[in-house]
N, C-alpha and C. Protein backbone atom coordinates (compact mmCIF):
# COMPACT_ATOMS: atom_id res chain seq x y z
N UNK A 1 62.69 -55.03 170.31
CA UNK A 1 62.48 -54.71 168.97
C UNK A 1 62.02 -53.22 168.81
N UNK A 2 62.46 -52.49 167.85
CA UNK A 2 62.01 -51.14 167.62
C UNK A 2 60.96 -51.17 166.44
N UNK A 3 59.87 -50.46 166.70
CA UNK A 3 58.77 -50.43 165.80
C UNK A 3 58.45 -48.91 165.57
N UNK A 4 58.55 -48.49 164.25
CA UNK A 4 58.36 -47.13 163.97
C UNK A 4 56.87 -47.10 163.61
N UNK A 5 56.05 -46.15 164.19
CA UNK A 5 54.64 -46.03 164.01
C UNK A 5 54.29 -44.73 163.40
N UNK A 6 53.42 -44.72 162.43
CA UNK A 6 53.00 -43.39 161.96
C UNK A 6 51.43 -43.51 161.85
N UNK A 7 50.90 -42.31 162.04
CA UNK A 7 49.45 -42.08 161.94
C UNK A 7 49.12 -40.67 161.54
N UNK A 8 48.16 -40.62 160.55
CA UNK A 8 47.82 -39.09 160.07
C UNK A 8 46.72 -38.50 160.89
N UNK A 9 46.00 -39.30 161.76
CA UNK A 9 45.05 -38.68 162.65
C UNK A 9 44.85 -39.61 163.93
N UNK A 10 44.35 -38.83 164.93
CA UNK A 10 44.26 -39.40 166.18
C UNK A 10 42.96 -40.07 166.36
N UNK A 11 42.53 -40.93 165.54
CA UNK A 11 41.24 -41.49 165.42
C UNK A 11 41.38 -43.05 165.37
N UNK A 12 40.22 -43.69 165.50
CA UNK A 12 40.26 -45.17 165.45
C UNK A 12 41.25 -45.77 166.42
N UNK A 13 42.08 -46.70 166.01
CA UNK A 13 42.90 -47.45 166.94
C UNK A 13 44.33 -46.76 167.10
N UNK A 14 44.52 -45.63 166.75
CA UNK A 14 45.84 -44.92 166.87
C UNK A 14 46.43 -45.21 168.25
N UNK A 15 45.78 -44.72 169.29
CA UNK A 15 46.38 -44.72 170.69
C UNK A 15 46.47 -46.18 171.12
N UNK A 16 45.44 -46.99 170.79
CA UNK A 16 45.51 -48.40 171.13
C UNK A 16 46.69 -49.09 170.65
N UNK A 17 46.93 -48.79 169.37
CA UNK A 17 48.15 -49.42 168.68
C UNK A 17 49.41 -49.17 169.44
N UNK A 18 49.69 -47.80 169.75
CA UNK A 18 50.91 -47.54 170.50
C UNK A 18 50.95 -48.18 171.88
N UNK A 19 49.76 -48.21 172.56
CA UNK A 19 49.68 -48.80 173.88
C UNK A 19 49.93 -50.32 173.75
N UNK A 20 49.36 -51.01 172.82
CA UNK A 20 49.55 -52.41 172.66
C UNK A 20 50.92 -52.80 172.33
N UNK A 21 51.58 -52.04 171.38
CA UNK A 21 52.96 -52.31 171.14
C UNK A 21 53.84 -52.19 172.31
N UNK A 22 53.63 -51.11 173.17
CA UNK A 22 54.33 -51.00 174.37
C UNK A 22 54.09 -52.06 175.34
N UNK A 23 52.84 -52.54 175.47
CA UNK A 23 52.49 -53.61 176.33
C UNK A 23 53.20 -54.88 175.95
N UNK A 24 53.49 -55.13 174.67
CA UNK A 24 54.14 -56.30 174.10
C UNK A 24 55.61 -56.14 174.32
N UNK A 25 56.16 -55.06 174.78
CA UNK A 25 57.60 -54.82 175.07
C UNK A 25 58.33 -54.20 173.90
N UNK A 26 57.61 -53.69 172.89
CA UNK A 26 58.41 -53.05 171.84
C UNK A 26 58.66 -51.53 172.08
N UNK A 27 59.77 -51.14 171.60
CA UNK A 27 60.05 -49.72 171.67
C UNK A 27 59.47 -49.00 170.39
N UNK A 28 58.57 -48.05 170.68
CA UNK A 28 57.88 -47.35 169.62
C UNK A 28 58.56 -45.95 169.23
N UNK A 29 58.77 -45.88 167.97
CA UNK A 29 59.37 -44.55 167.38
C UNK A 29 58.16 -43.92 166.75
N UNK A 30 57.65 -42.75 167.31
CA UNK A 30 56.50 -42.16 166.86
C UNK A 30 56.69 -41.13 165.62
N UNK A 31 55.68 -41.12 164.83
CA UNK A 31 55.70 -40.18 163.56
C UNK A 31 54.30 -39.70 163.37
N UNK A 32 54.24 -38.58 162.69
CA UNK A 32 52.92 -37.95 162.34
C UNK A 32 52.19 -37.32 163.55
N UNK A 33 50.93 -37.70 163.71
CA UNK A 33 50.13 -37.15 164.82
C UNK A 33 50.73 -37.59 166.20
N UNK A 34 51.48 -38.59 166.20
CA UNK A 34 52.15 -39.07 167.41
C UNK A 34 53.42 -38.45 167.79
N UNK A 35 53.86 -37.43 166.94
CA UNK A 35 54.99 -36.69 167.21
C UNK A 35 54.80 -35.22 166.95
N UNK A 36 54.76 -34.46 168.06
CA UNK A 36 54.27 -33.06 167.91
C UNK A 36 55.04 -32.17 166.91
N UNK A 37 56.34 -32.50 166.74
CA UNK A 37 57.25 -31.72 165.78
C UNK A 37 57.07 -32.05 164.45
N UNK A 38 56.36 -33.11 164.07
CA UNK A 38 56.25 -33.62 162.60
C UNK A 38 54.84 -33.22 161.99
N UNK A 39 54.88 -33.19 160.68
CA UNK A 39 53.52 -33.11 160.00
C UNK A 39 52.80 -34.38 160.09
N UNK A 40 51.47 -34.29 160.18
CA UNK A 40 50.63 -35.46 160.27
C UNK A 40 50.09 -35.87 158.94
N UNK A 41 50.52 -35.22 157.86
CA UNK A 41 50.07 -35.60 156.47
C UNK A 41 50.58 -37.03 156.20
N UNK A 42 49.70 -37.85 155.70
CA UNK A 42 49.88 -39.31 155.62
C UNK A 42 51.08 -39.61 154.76
N UNK A 43 51.36 -39.01 153.67
CA UNK A 43 52.48 -39.29 152.84
C UNK A 43 53.85 -39.01 153.54
N UNK A 44 53.86 -37.94 154.25
CA UNK A 44 55.10 -37.57 154.95
C UNK A 44 55.41 -38.39 156.16
N UNK A 45 54.38 -38.60 157.04
CA UNK A 45 54.65 -39.38 158.21
C UNK A 45 54.91 -40.80 157.87
N UNK A 46 54.18 -41.31 156.88
CA UNK A 46 54.41 -42.66 156.48
C UNK A 46 55.88 -42.88 155.91
N UNK A 47 56.28 -41.88 155.13
CA UNK A 47 57.71 -41.97 154.53
C UNK A 47 58.73 -41.98 155.72
N UNK A 48 58.44 -41.19 156.75
CA UNK A 48 59.44 -41.13 157.90
C UNK A 48 59.44 -42.49 158.48
N UNK A 49 58.32 -43.22 158.81
CA UNK A 49 58.31 -44.48 159.39
C UNK A 49 59.02 -45.61 158.55
N UNK A 50 58.68 -45.51 157.23
CA UNK A 50 59.28 -46.49 156.32
C UNK A 50 60.74 -46.31 156.23
N UNK A 51 61.26 -45.09 156.17
CA UNK A 51 62.69 -44.79 156.12
C UNK A 51 63.42 -45.29 157.36
N UNK A 52 62.65 -45.29 158.52
CA UNK A 52 63.32 -45.82 159.75
C UNK A 52 63.62 -47.28 159.48
N UNK A 53 62.71 -47.97 158.84
CA UNK A 53 62.98 -49.38 158.57
C UNK A 53 64.11 -49.61 157.53
N UNK A 54 63.95 -48.87 156.44
CA UNK A 54 64.91 -49.05 155.32
C UNK A 54 66.29 -48.64 155.80
N UNK A 55 66.41 -47.66 156.67
CA UNK A 55 67.75 -47.26 157.19
C UNK A 55 68.28 -47.79 158.44
N UNK A 56 67.46 -48.71 158.92
CA UNK A 56 67.97 -49.58 160.12
C UNK A 56 67.66 -48.94 161.49
N UNK A 57 66.92 -47.86 161.56
CA UNK A 57 66.58 -47.18 162.93
C UNK A 57 65.40 -48.03 163.58
N UNK A 58 64.72 -48.83 162.81
CA UNK A 58 63.55 -49.60 163.35
C UNK A 58 63.65 -50.93 162.68
N UNK A 59 63.21 -51.97 163.30
CA UNK A 59 63.15 -53.33 162.79
C UNK A 59 61.92 -53.49 161.89
N UNK A 60 60.82 -52.88 162.23
CA UNK A 60 59.61 -52.98 161.42
C UNK A 60 58.80 -51.59 161.68
N UNK A 61 57.70 -51.44 160.87
CA UNK A 61 56.84 -50.28 161.15
C UNK A 61 55.46 -50.68 160.97
N UNK A 62 54.63 -49.80 161.51
CA UNK A 62 53.14 -49.93 161.41
C UNK A 62 52.65 -48.55 160.89
N UNK A 63 52.18 -48.37 159.78
CA UNK A 63 51.80 -47.13 159.24
C UNK A 63 50.27 -47.18 159.13
N UNK A 64 49.69 -46.01 159.45
CA UNK A 64 48.22 -45.97 159.61
C UNK A 64 47.59 -44.59 158.79
N UNK A 65 46.62 -44.76 158.17
CA UNK A 65 45.84 -43.61 157.57
C UNK A 65 44.39 -44.15 157.58
N UNK A 66 43.43 -43.17 157.25
CA UNK A 66 42.03 -43.47 157.32
C UNK A 66 41.66 -44.85 156.66
N UNK A 67 42.13 -45.14 155.44
CA UNK A 67 41.78 -46.35 154.75
C UNK A 67 42.91 -47.31 154.78
N UNK A 68 44.25 -46.83 155.03
CA UNK A 68 45.40 -47.67 154.99
C UNK A 68 46.01 -47.64 153.54
N UNK A 69 45.22 -47.24 152.62
CA UNK A 69 45.66 -47.41 151.17
C UNK A 69 46.79 -46.43 151.03
N UNK A 70 46.58 -45.18 151.27
CA UNK A 70 47.78 -44.13 151.07
C UNK A 70 48.91 -44.49 151.84
N UNK A 71 48.79 -44.93 153.11
CA UNK A 71 49.93 -45.33 153.93
C UNK A 71 50.81 -46.50 153.19
N UNK A 72 50.03 -47.45 152.71
CA UNK A 72 50.75 -48.63 152.10
C UNK A 72 51.44 -48.18 150.82
N UNK A 73 50.69 -47.30 150.09
CA UNK A 73 51.38 -46.89 148.76
C UNK A 73 52.67 -45.99 149.20
N UNK A 74 52.56 -45.11 150.07
CA UNK A 74 53.65 -44.26 150.38
C UNK A 74 54.81 -45.05 150.98
N UNK A 75 54.55 -46.00 151.81
CA UNK A 75 55.63 -46.88 152.35
C UNK A 75 56.32 -47.77 151.27
N UNK A 76 55.57 -48.23 150.40
CA UNK A 76 56.21 -48.97 149.21
C UNK A 76 57.04 -48.19 148.35
N UNK A 77 56.99 -46.84 148.37
CA UNK A 77 57.89 -46.05 147.55
C UNK A 77 59.19 -46.11 148.05
N UNK A 78 59.40 -46.40 149.27
CA UNK A 78 60.72 -46.39 149.91
C UNK A 78 61.53 -47.64 149.65
N UNK A 79 62.62 -47.59 148.89
CA UNK A 79 63.42 -48.84 148.60
C UNK A 79 63.70 -49.64 149.90
N UNK A 80 63.52 -50.90 149.73
CA UNK A 80 63.89 -51.77 150.83
C UNK A 80 62.57 -52.06 151.75
N UNK A 81 61.50 -51.47 151.48
CA UNK A 81 60.24 -51.59 152.28
C UNK A 81 59.31 -52.47 151.42
N UNK A 82 58.75 -53.44 152.19
CA UNK A 82 57.58 -54.25 151.65
C UNK A 82 56.49 -54.12 152.63
N UNK A 83 55.54 -53.15 152.26
CA UNK A 83 54.44 -52.87 153.09
C UNK A 83 53.16 -53.62 152.64
N UNK A 84 52.46 -54.08 153.57
CA UNK A 84 51.22 -54.77 153.21
C UNK A 84 50.08 -54.25 154.01
N UNK A 85 48.98 -53.86 153.35
CA UNK A 85 47.80 -53.40 153.97
C UNK A 85 47.01 -54.59 154.43
N UNK A 86 46.79 -54.75 155.74
CA UNK A 86 46.13 -55.89 156.38
C UNK A 86 44.99 -55.57 157.09
N UNK A 87 43.80 -56.18 156.81
CA UNK A 87 42.58 -55.95 157.46
C UNK A 87 42.09 -57.14 158.31
N UNK A 88 42.96 -58.16 158.32
CA UNK A 88 42.63 -59.35 159.23
C UNK A 88 43.96 -60.15 159.52
N UNK A 89 43.79 -61.03 160.31
CA UNK A 89 44.99 -61.76 160.81
C UNK A 89 45.46 -62.70 159.68
N UNK A 90 44.57 -63.29 158.96
CA UNK A 90 45.11 -64.18 157.85
C UNK A 90 45.93 -63.38 156.83
N UNK A 91 45.52 -62.20 156.53
CA UNK A 91 46.33 -61.44 155.56
C UNK A 91 47.61 -61.04 156.15
N UNK A 92 47.72 -60.66 157.43
CA UNK A 92 48.94 -60.30 158.11
C UNK A 92 49.86 -61.51 158.25
N UNK A 93 49.32 -62.68 158.48
CA UNK A 93 50.21 -63.85 158.60
C UNK A 93 50.87 -64.14 157.23
N UNK A 94 50.01 -64.03 156.14
CA UNK A 94 50.48 -64.26 154.86
C UNK A 94 51.58 -63.34 154.33
N UNK A 95 51.32 -62.02 154.68
CA UNK A 95 52.20 -60.91 154.29
C UNK A 95 53.62 -61.24 154.89
N UNK A 96 53.65 -61.64 156.14
CA UNK A 96 54.84 -61.96 156.86
C UNK A 96 55.49 -63.17 156.25
N UNK A 97 54.67 -64.29 156.09
CA UNK A 97 55.20 -65.54 155.73
C UNK A 97 55.70 -65.53 154.20
N UNK A 98 54.82 -65.16 153.28
CA UNK A 98 55.14 -65.29 151.91
C UNK A 98 55.80 -64.13 151.30
N UNK A 99 55.63 -62.91 151.84
CA UNK A 99 56.18 -61.64 151.23
C UNK A 99 57.33 -61.01 152.11
N UNK A 100 57.54 -61.61 153.28
CA UNK A 100 58.57 -61.07 154.21
C UNK A 100 58.36 -59.59 154.42
N UNK A 101 57.10 -59.16 154.50
CA UNK A 101 56.73 -57.77 154.72
C UNK A 101 57.27 -57.27 155.93
N UNK A 102 57.79 -56.02 155.89
CA UNK A 102 58.50 -55.37 157.08
C UNK A 102 57.77 -54.09 157.52
N UNK A 103 56.60 -53.81 156.73
CA UNK A 103 55.79 -52.67 157.19
C UNK A 103 54.36 -53.12 157.06
N UNK A 104 53.77 -52.99 158.25
CA UNK A 104 52.24 -53.23 158.26
C UNK A 104 51.38 -51.96 158.14
N UNK A 105 50.55 -51.97 157.18
CA UNK A 105 49.66 -50.83 157.02
C UNK A 105 48.29 -51.14 157.54
N UNK A 106 47.71 -50.18 158.19
CA UNK A 106 46.37 -50.46 158.87
C UNK A 106 45.45 -49.28 158.46
N UNK A 107 44.13 -49.68 158.38
CA UNK A 107 43.08 -48.64 158.22
C UNK A 107 42.57 -48.27 159.64
N UNK A 108 42.65 -46.91 159.87
CA UNK A 108 42.05 -46.46 161.02
C UNK A 108 40.58 -46.44 161.07
N UNK A 109 39.97 -46.57 159.92
CA UNK A 109 38.54 -46.67 159.78
C UNK A 109 37.99 -48.02 160.06
N UNK A 110 38.66 -49.01 159.51
CA UNK A 110 38.25 -50.44 159.60
C UNK A 110 38.67 -51.24 160.71
N UNK A 111 39.78 -50.97 161.31
CA UNK A 111 40.37 -51.81 162.35
C UNK A 111 39.80 -51.53 163.70
N UNK A 112 39.17 -52.58 164.25
CA UNK A 112 38.63 -52.46 165.59
C UNK A 112 39.81 -52.87 166.58
N UNK A 113 39.39 -52.62 167.80
CA UNK A 113 40.41 -53.05 168.78
C UNK A 113 40.67 -54.53 168.94
N UNK A 114 39.64 -55.29 168.79
CA UNK A 114 39.75 -56.77 168.78
C UNK A 114 40.65 -57.25 167.55
N UNK A 115 40.27 -56.70 166.33
CA UNK A 115 40.96 -57.05 165.10
C UNK A 115 42.36 -56.61 165.17
N UNK A 116 42.71 -55.50 165.81
CA UNK A 116 44.05 -55.01 165.99
C UNK A 116 44.92 -56.07 166.71
N UNK A 117 44.41 -56.52 167.80
CA UNK A 117 45.14 -57.57 168.52
C UNK A 117 45.41 -58.76 167.75
N UNK A 118 44.42 -59.25 167.00
CA UNK A 118 44.54 -60.41 166.16
C UNK A 118 45.52 -60.22 165.03
N UNK A 119 45.55 -58.99 164.51
CA UNK A 119 46.47 -58.69 163.34
C UNK A 119 47.90 -58.65 163.93
N UNK A 120 48.08 -58.01 164.95
CA UNK A 120 49.41 -57.89 165.67
C UNK A 120 49.92 -59.27 166.11
N UNK A 121 49.08 -60.10 166.69
CA UNK A 121 49.45 -61.49 166.97
C UNK A 121 50.05 -62.19 165.72
N UNK A 122 49.29 -62.22 164.71
CA UNK A 122 49.60 -62.85 163.54
C UNK A 122 50.94 -62.26 162.90
N UNK A 123 50.99 -60.96 162.89
CA UNK A 123 52.15 -60.27 162.25
C UNK A 123 53.45 -60.61 163.03
N UNK A 124 53.42 -60.45 164.37
CA UNK A 124 54.67 -60.63 165.08
C UNK A 124 55.02 -62.12 165.51
N UNK A 125 53.99 -63.07 165.22
CA UNK A 125 54.24 -64.41 165.62
C UNK A 125 54.63 -65.19 164.28
N UNK A 126 54.64 -64.56 163.19
CA UNK A 126 54.98 -65.24 161.94
C UNK A 126 56.35 -64.91 161.31
N UNK A 127 57.06 -65.85 161.02
CA UNK A 127 58.41 -65.70 160.42
C UNK A 127 58.26 -65.87 158.92
N UNK A 128 59.16 -65.20 158.20
CA UNK A 128 59.24 -65.34 156.67
C UNK A 128 59.50 -66.85 156.37
N UNK A 129 58.85 -67.23 155.29
CA UNK A 129 58.98 -68.64 154.80
C UNK A 129 60.48 -68.86 154.25
N UNK A 130 60.89 -70.05 154.46
CA UNK A 130 62.17 -70.47 153.85
C UNK A 130 62.11 -71.21 152.63
N UNK A 131 60.84 -71.38 152.20
CA UNK A 131 60.60 -72.14 150.90
C UNK A 131 61.37 -71.46 149.81
N UNK A 132 62.02 -72.22 148.85
CA UNK A 132 62.79 -71.75 147.76
C UNK A 132 62.07 -70.75 146.95
N UNK A 133 60.83 -71.09 146.60
CA UNK A 133 60.13 -70.16 145.69
C UNK A 133 59.78 -68.85 146.31
N UNK A 134 59.36 -68.87 147.62
CA UNK A 134 59.05 -67.66 148.33
C UNK A 134 60.38 -66.81 148.42
N UNK A 135 61.50 -67.46 148.73
CA UNK A 135 62.75 -66.70 148.81
C UNK A 135 63.16 -66.12 147.45
N UNK A 136 62.91 -66.84 146.34
CA UNK A 136 63.24 -66.22 145.07
C UNK A 136 62.36 -65.06 144.70
N UNK A 137 61.12 -65.05 145.09
CA UNK A 137 60.19 -63.91 144.95
C UNK A 137 60.76 -62.74 145.74
N UNK A 138 61.14 -62.95 146.93
CA UNK A 138 61.72 -61.87 147.85
C UNK A 138 62.95 -61.34 147.14
N UNK A 139 63.91 -62.16 146.66
CA UNK A 139 65.06 -61.69 146.09
C UNK A 139 64.80 -60.83 144.80
N UNK A 140 63.74 -61.35 144.09
CA UNK A 140 63.33 -60.54 142.86
C UNK A 140 62.84 -59.08 143.23
N UNK A 141 62.04 -59.01 144.30
CA UNK A 141 61.58 -57.75 144.75
C UNK A 141 62.81 -56.82 145.20
N UNK A 142 63.74 -57.52 145.81
CA UNK A 142 64.93 -56.75 146.16
C UNK A 142 65.75 -56.15 144.96
N UNK A 143 65.76 -56.93 143.93
CA UNK A 143 66.34 -56.48 142.60
C UNK A 143 65.55 -55.38 142.02
N UNK A 144 64.34 -55.53 142.12
CA UNK A 144 63.40 -54.36 141.57
C UNK A 144 63.79 -53.01 142.31
N UNK A 145 64.04 -53.04 143.59
CA UNK A 145 64.30 -51.94 144.51
C UNK A 145 65.71 -51.37 143.89
N UNK A 146 66.56 -52.24 143.45
CA UNK A 146 67.95 -51.76 142.97
C UNK A 146 67.90 -51.15 141.66
N UNK A 147 66.85 -51.56 140.83
CA UNK A 147 66.73 -51.10 139.42
C UNK A 147 66.43 -49.58 139.33
């Protein structure tokens, strides 16, 4: 699985995230501070990672900034992206299950190494719900993207 990763600073869990994704066998596509030729500004590097997902170059993305808020906002501006700011495993599990989120947004300030592992476990171990109501909501979001 290809995971696009962006970060606007080399602080917090930035390097641990890349190492952990690699340890889990994922191919990492780096953006922002992780790619020397790119700008590390959060709006720009997040857009690059989100576009990788929307355009099929990556299966999912993890986007990071100091609070995670800017990264989640920027990612959600890209049609076809459903980004979720997750600070714990429960939220990550729900984002994947009920929202079929394809971009995980993380706070570099709040995410500890231990919490990072828990969030990634929940995110990658959870499949989207097949419940009719959940699927209707996802289709509605897709129609909003098209509008």
